[in-house]
Amino acid sequence: MKRLKTIYYLTVLTLFTVVIFSVFALTWLLTVLFDRNRAVCHHVSRFWSMMIYRLCPWWRIEVTGREHIRPGRPYVVVSNHQAMLDIPLLYVLPFNFKWVSKREVYKIPIFGWVLWMHGDVAIERGGTASAKAMLKSCEAYLKRGVSVILFPEGTRTKTGRVNAFKEGAMILAEQSVVDVLPVVIDGTFDAFGQGGIAAPHTFQVHILPPVTAEEVACCSTRELRDRLHTLMEDTHRNIAPRHYSDSK
């Protein structure tokens, strides 16, 4: 039965992706000259992303903490990173945002093209000049009221746990003088198990209270990094203890 569910889901998803990518590309062509922040494209991306989950009738999404979001305010959003499904899942956030993604991701057919048309920010792994360019691009978006999402772990977890954080997101928040919005997700790590998709399955998105720009200014980069990591790891331990059952 799991295999049949997987075949059904992947077939429907593939057909839907072909159709919606055509819509996305047309939207980009019609709006690129006047929609500097790609807001219209973002709406299409959000619909596309939510359909990735809704096309599987055995999946559901639970979101908590929406009350922590202040409309009209840009954020540096930091999230733990479990799987590729994190990307469509984070479109539950109700505002325009840009991804910071590794440049090699842009080489993936369709997915990479969408990132480029969406106006997302690329970064080279380990490149100082690329990191500076990334910060500059992100600051420009934040000044225009567009949020930016980063995965401070730098790569996907191999255990389901929250890994150590890098400091790029913290430096961006310090330089841009904006709030940091921590988001903890769970469920994408084990959405595809042995033999096919996990069904039924629940995905969780926990939006935590932001660290205000004033609080950011009072912390060193390392202190901010450690504070966010502790907060997000503790939250993840509470909602997903199965990933930490053998940790000391």
Protein backbone atom coordinates (compact mmCIF):
# COMPACT_ATOMS: atom_id res chain seq x y z
CA MET A 1 0.00 0.00 0.00
CA LYS A 2 2.84 2.42 0.82
CA ARG A 3 4.34 1.83 -2.62
CA LEU A 4 1.00 2.52 -4.32
CA LYS A 5 0.59 5.74 -2.34
CA THR A 6 4.09 6.79 -3.35
CA ILE A 7 3.47 6.09 -7.04
CA TYR A 8 0.19 8.02 -6.90
CA TYR A 9 1.76 11.02 -5.17
CA LEU A 10 4.85 11.28 -7.36
CA THR A 11 2.81 10.91 -10.56
CA VAL A 12 0.32 13.62 -9.59
CA LEU A 13 3.11 15.86 -8.29
CA THR A 14 5.10 15.55 -11.53
CA LEU A 15 2.10 16.44 -13.70
CA PHE A 16 1.19 19.36 -11.44
CA THR A 17 4.78 20.64 -11.43
CA VAL A 18 4.94 20.74 -15.23
CA VAL A 19 1.73 22.78 -15.37
CA ILE A 20 2.51 25.18 -12.53
CA PHE A 21 6.08 25.79 -13.73
CA SER A 22 4.63 27.01 -17.02
CA VAL A 23 2.34 29.35 -15.07
CA PHE A 24 5.27 30.54 -12.96
CA ALA A 25 7.45 31.25 -16.00
CA LEU A 26 4.64 33.18 -17.68
CA THR A 27 4.03 35.17 -14.49
CA TRP A 28 7.71 36.08 -14.34
CA LEU A 29 7.71 37.24 -17.97
CA LEU A 30 4.66 39.45 -17.39
CA THR A 31 5.86 41.01 -14.13
CA VAL A 32 9.67 41.08 -14.14
CA LEU A 33 9.92 44.67 -15.43
CA PHE A 34 7.79 46.25 -12.70
CA ASP A 35 7.75 43.80 -9.77
CA ARG A 36 11.19 44.41 -8.29
CA ASN A 37 10.57 42.25 -5.23
CA ARG A 38 8.96 39.41 -7.23
CA ALA A 39 5.87 39.60 -5.00
CA VAL A 40 3.58 38.16 -7.68
CA CYS A 41 5.96 35.29 -8.34
CA HIS A 42 6.08 34.68 -4.60
CA HIS A 43 2.31 34.17 -4.52
CA VAL A 44 2.60 31.59 -7.29
CA SER A 45 5.45 29.89 -5.42
CA ARG A 46 3.35 29.81 -2.26
CA PHE A 47 0.42 28.18 -4.06
CA TRP A 48 2.79 25.71 -5.73
CA SER A 49 4.42 24.85 -2.40
CA MET A 50 1.20 24.34 -0.49
CA MET A 51 -0.10 22.08 -3.25
CA ILE A 52 2.96 19.86 -2.83
CA TYR A 53 1.50 18.96 0.56
CA ARG A 54 -2.19 19.04 -0.32
CA LEU A 55 -1.74 16.66 -3.25
CA CYS A 56 -0.94 13.98 -0.68
CA PRO A 57 -4.23 13.39 1.20
CA TRP A 58 -2.40 11.57 3.99
CA TRP A 59 -0.29 14.58 4.95
CA ARG A 60 -1.21 17.51 7.16
CA ILE A 61 0.58 20.62 8.40
CA GLU A 62 0.35 22.07 11.91
CA VAL A 63 1.48 25.66 12.44
CA THR A 64 1.86 27.40 15.79
CA GLY A 65 3.05 30.90 16.67
CA ARG A 66 1.57 32.94 13.82
CA GLU A 67 0.77 35.60 16.42
CA HIS A 68 4.49 36.36 16.72
CA ILE A 69 4.61 37.78 13.19
CA ARG A 70 4.08 41.53 12.83
CA PRO A 71 2.62 42.37 9.39
CA GLY A 72 4.74 44.66 7.25
CA ARG A 73 7.96 44.04 9.16
CA PRO A 74 10.92 42.35 7.42
CA TYR A 75 12.74 39.57 9.24
CA VAL A 76 15.90 37.57 9.04
CA VAL A 77 14.23 34.16 9.33
CA VAL A 78 16.33 31.27 10.63
CA SER A 79 15.11 27.69 10.40
CA ASN A 80 16.53 24.25 11.03
CA HIS A 81 17.07 22.20 7.88
CA GLN A 82 15.88 18.59 7.62
CA ALA A 83 15.16 17.91 3.94
CA MET A 84 14.30 19.47 0.57
CA LEU A 85 10.66 19.46 1.67
CA ASP A 86 11.57 22.21 4.16
CA ILE A 87 11.47 24.69 1.31
CA PRO A 88 7.81 24.30 0.31
CA LEU A 89 6.86 23.83 3.97
CA LEU A 90 8.20 27.26 4.96
CA TYR A 91 5.83 28.92 2.51
CA VAL A 92 3.28 28.75 5.33
CA LEU A 93 4.94 32.00 6.44
CA PRO A 94 2.52 34.76 5.37
CA PHE A 95 4.94 37.28 3.88
CA ASN A 96 7.22 37.78 0.90
CA PHE A 97 10.70 36.40 1.44
CA LYS A 98 13.85 35.40 -0.39
CA TRP A 99 15.93 32.28 0.08
CA VAL A 100 19.67 32.20 0.57
CA SER A 101 20.73 29.04 -1.28
CA LYS A 102 23.99 27.38 -2.27
CA ARG A 103 24.85 28.16 -5.87
CA GLU A 104 24.94 24.50 -6.88
CA VAL A 105 21.22 24.27 -6.10
CA TYR A 106 20.59 26.66 -9.00
CA LYS A 107 21.83 23.94 -11.37
CA ILE A 108 18.87 21.67 -10.56
CA PRO A 109 16.37 21.75 -13.49
CA ILE A 110 13.10 23.57 -12.76
CA PHE A 111 13.95 24.09 -9.08
CA GLY A 112 17.04 26.15 -9.84
CA TRP A 113 15.25 28.08 -12.57
CA VAL A 114 12.49 28.98 -10.12
CA LEU A 115 15.02 30.24 -7.57
CA TRP A 116 16.56 32.49 -10.21
CA MET A 117 13.22 33.87 -11.43
CA HIS A 118 12.07 34.31 -7.83
CA GLY A 119 15.03 36.61 -7.21
CA ASP A 120 16.60 34.48 -4.49
CA VAL A 121 20.15 34.97 -3.28
CA ALA A 122 22.95 32.55 -4.21
CA ILE A 123 26.11 31.94 -2.21
CA GLU A 124 29.25 29.99 -3.03
CA ARG A 125 30.32 27.47 -0.42
CA GLY A 126 33.34 28.83 1.48
CA GLY A 127 33.75 31.95 -0.66
CA THR A 128 34.47 35.20 1.22
CA ALA A 129 33.63 37.44 -1.74
CA SER A 130 30.42 35.49 -2.32
CA ALA A 131 29.46 35.84 1.35
CA LYS A 132 29.92 39.62 1.16
CA ALA A 133 27.82 39.77 -2.02
CA MET A 134 25.14 37.67 -0.31
CA LEU A 135 25.01 40.03 2.66
CA LYS A 136 24.74 43.03 0.34
CA SER A 137 21.87 41.48 -1.65
CA CYS A 138 20.03 40.45 1.51
CA GLU A 139 20.42 43.90 3.06
CA ALA A 140 18.93 45.45 -0.08
CA TYR A 141 15.87 43.21 0.17
CA LEU A 142 15.44 43.89 3.89
CA LYS A 143 15.58 47.65 3.29
CA ARG A 144 12.72 47.22 0.81
CA GLY A 145 10.67 45.32 3.39
CA VAL A 146 11.33 41.81 2.05
CA SER A 147 12.33 39.12 4.54
CA VAL A 148 15.20 36.69 4.01
CA ILE A 149 15.35 33.02 5.05
CA LEU A 150 18.58 31.24 5.94
CA PHE A 151 19.37 27.77 7.24
CA PRO A 152 22.09 28.56 9.81
CA GLU A 153 23.18 24.90 9.97
CA GLY A 154 24.46 25.37 6.43
CA THR A 155 23.29 21.97 5.23
CA ARG A 156 20.64 19.34 5.91
CA THR A 157 20.82 17.29 9.08
CA LYS A 158 21.77 13.62 8.76
CA THR A 159 20.23 12.65 12.10
CA GLY A 160 17.05 14.71 12.32
CA ARG A 161 18.57 16.79 15.12
CA VAL A 162 19.40 20.49 15.05
CA ASN A 163 23.09 20.83 14.16
CA ALA A 164 25.55 23.57 15.11
CA PHE A 165 24.90 27.02 13.61
CA LYS A 166 27.13 29.16 11.44
CA GLU A 167 27.16 32.94 11.98
CA GLY A 168 26.08 34.32 8.59
CA ALA A 169 22.45 34.94 9.56
CA MET A 170 23.51 36.65 12.78
CA ILE A 171 25.92 38.95 10.95
CA LEU A 172 23.15 39.85 8.50
CA ALA A 173 20.75 40.71 11.34
CA GLU A 174 23.38 42.86 13.04
CA GLN A 175 24.24 44.78 9.89
CA SER A 176 20.63 45.21 8.78
CA VAL A 177 19.23 46.14 12.22
CA VAL A 178 16.15 43.92 11.89
CA ASP A 179 14.43 41.31 14.03
CA VAL A 180 15.40 37.64 13.81
CA LEU A 181 12.45 35.24 13.51
CA PRO A 182 13.32 31.69 14.63
CA VAL A 183 11.27 28.89 13.04
CA VAL A 184 11.52 25.25 14.07
CA ILE A 185 10.21 22.56 11.73
CA ASP A 186 9.81 18.82 12.02
CA GLY A 187 8.45 16.01 9.89
CA THR A 188 10.29 16.50 6.63
CA PHE A 189 13.26 14.38 7.74
CA ASP A 190 11.20 11.19 7.79
CA ALA A 191 8.50 12.04 5.24
CA PHE A 192 10.02 9.53 2.84
CA GLY A 193 10.88 6.37 4.69
CA GLN A 194 11.87 2.90 3.64
CA GLY A 195 9.49 1.71 0.96
CA GLY A 196 7.94 5.09 0.11
CA ILE A 197 6.18 8.08 1.63
CA ALA A 198 5.15 8.18 5.27
CA ALA A 199 1.36 8.18 5.28
CA PRO A 200 -0.33 9.37 7.37
CA HIS A 201 2.22 11.98 8.39
CA THR A 202 2.21 15.34 10.16
CA PHE A 203 4.57 18.26 9.52
CA GLN A 204 5.07 20.84 12.25
CA VAL A 205 6.07 24.49 11.93
CA HIS A 206 6.69 26.36 15.17
CA ILE A 207 7.16 30.12 14.81
CA LEU A 208 8.95 31.38 17.91
CA PRO A 209 8.96 34.92 19.34
CA PRO A 210 11.42 37.10 17.41
CA VAL A 211 14.69 38.34 18.79
CA THR A 212 14.25 42.08 18.34
CA ALA A 213 16.74 44.33 16.60
CA GLU A 214 17.40 45.98 19.98
CA GLU A 215 18.25 42.60 21.51
CA VAL A 216 20.43 41.74 18.52
CA ALA A 217 22.39 44.97 19.03
CA CYS A 218 23.10 44.02 22.65
CA CYS A 219 24.61 40.62 21.76
CA SER A 220 27.87 39.64 20.17
CA THR A 221 27.60 37.54 17.03
CA ARG A 222 28.57 34.42 18.96
CA GLU A 223 26.13 35.16 21.78
CA LEU A 224 23.29 35.62 19.31
CA ARG A 225 24.22 32.41 17.50
CA ASP A 226 24.33 30.42 20.73
CA ARG A 227 21.09 31.94 22.00
CA LEU A 228 19.21 31.05 18.84
CA HIS A 229 20.70 27.57 18.67
CA THR A 230 19.76 26.79 22.28
CA LEU A 231 16.25 28.14 21.80
CA MET A 232 15.63 26.22 18.58
CA GLU A 233 17.26 22.99 19.71
CA ASP A 234 15.29 22.97 22.98
CA THR A 235 12.08 23.56 21.05
CA HIS A 236 12.91 20.76 18.63
CA ARG A 237 13.74 18.39 21.48
CA ASN A 238 10.29 19.05 22.93
CA ILE A 239 8.36 18.48 19.70
CA ALA A 240 10.52 15.67 18.29
CA PRO A 241 12.18 13.76 21.16
CA ARG A 242 12.54 10.69 18.92
CA HIS A 243 15.55 12.32 17.25
CA TYR A 244 17.34 12.74 20.59
CA SER A 245 16.47 9.49 22.35
CA ASP A 246 20.05 8.18 22.21
CA SER A 247 21.82 11.51 22.87
CA LYS A 248 23.63 12.12 26.12
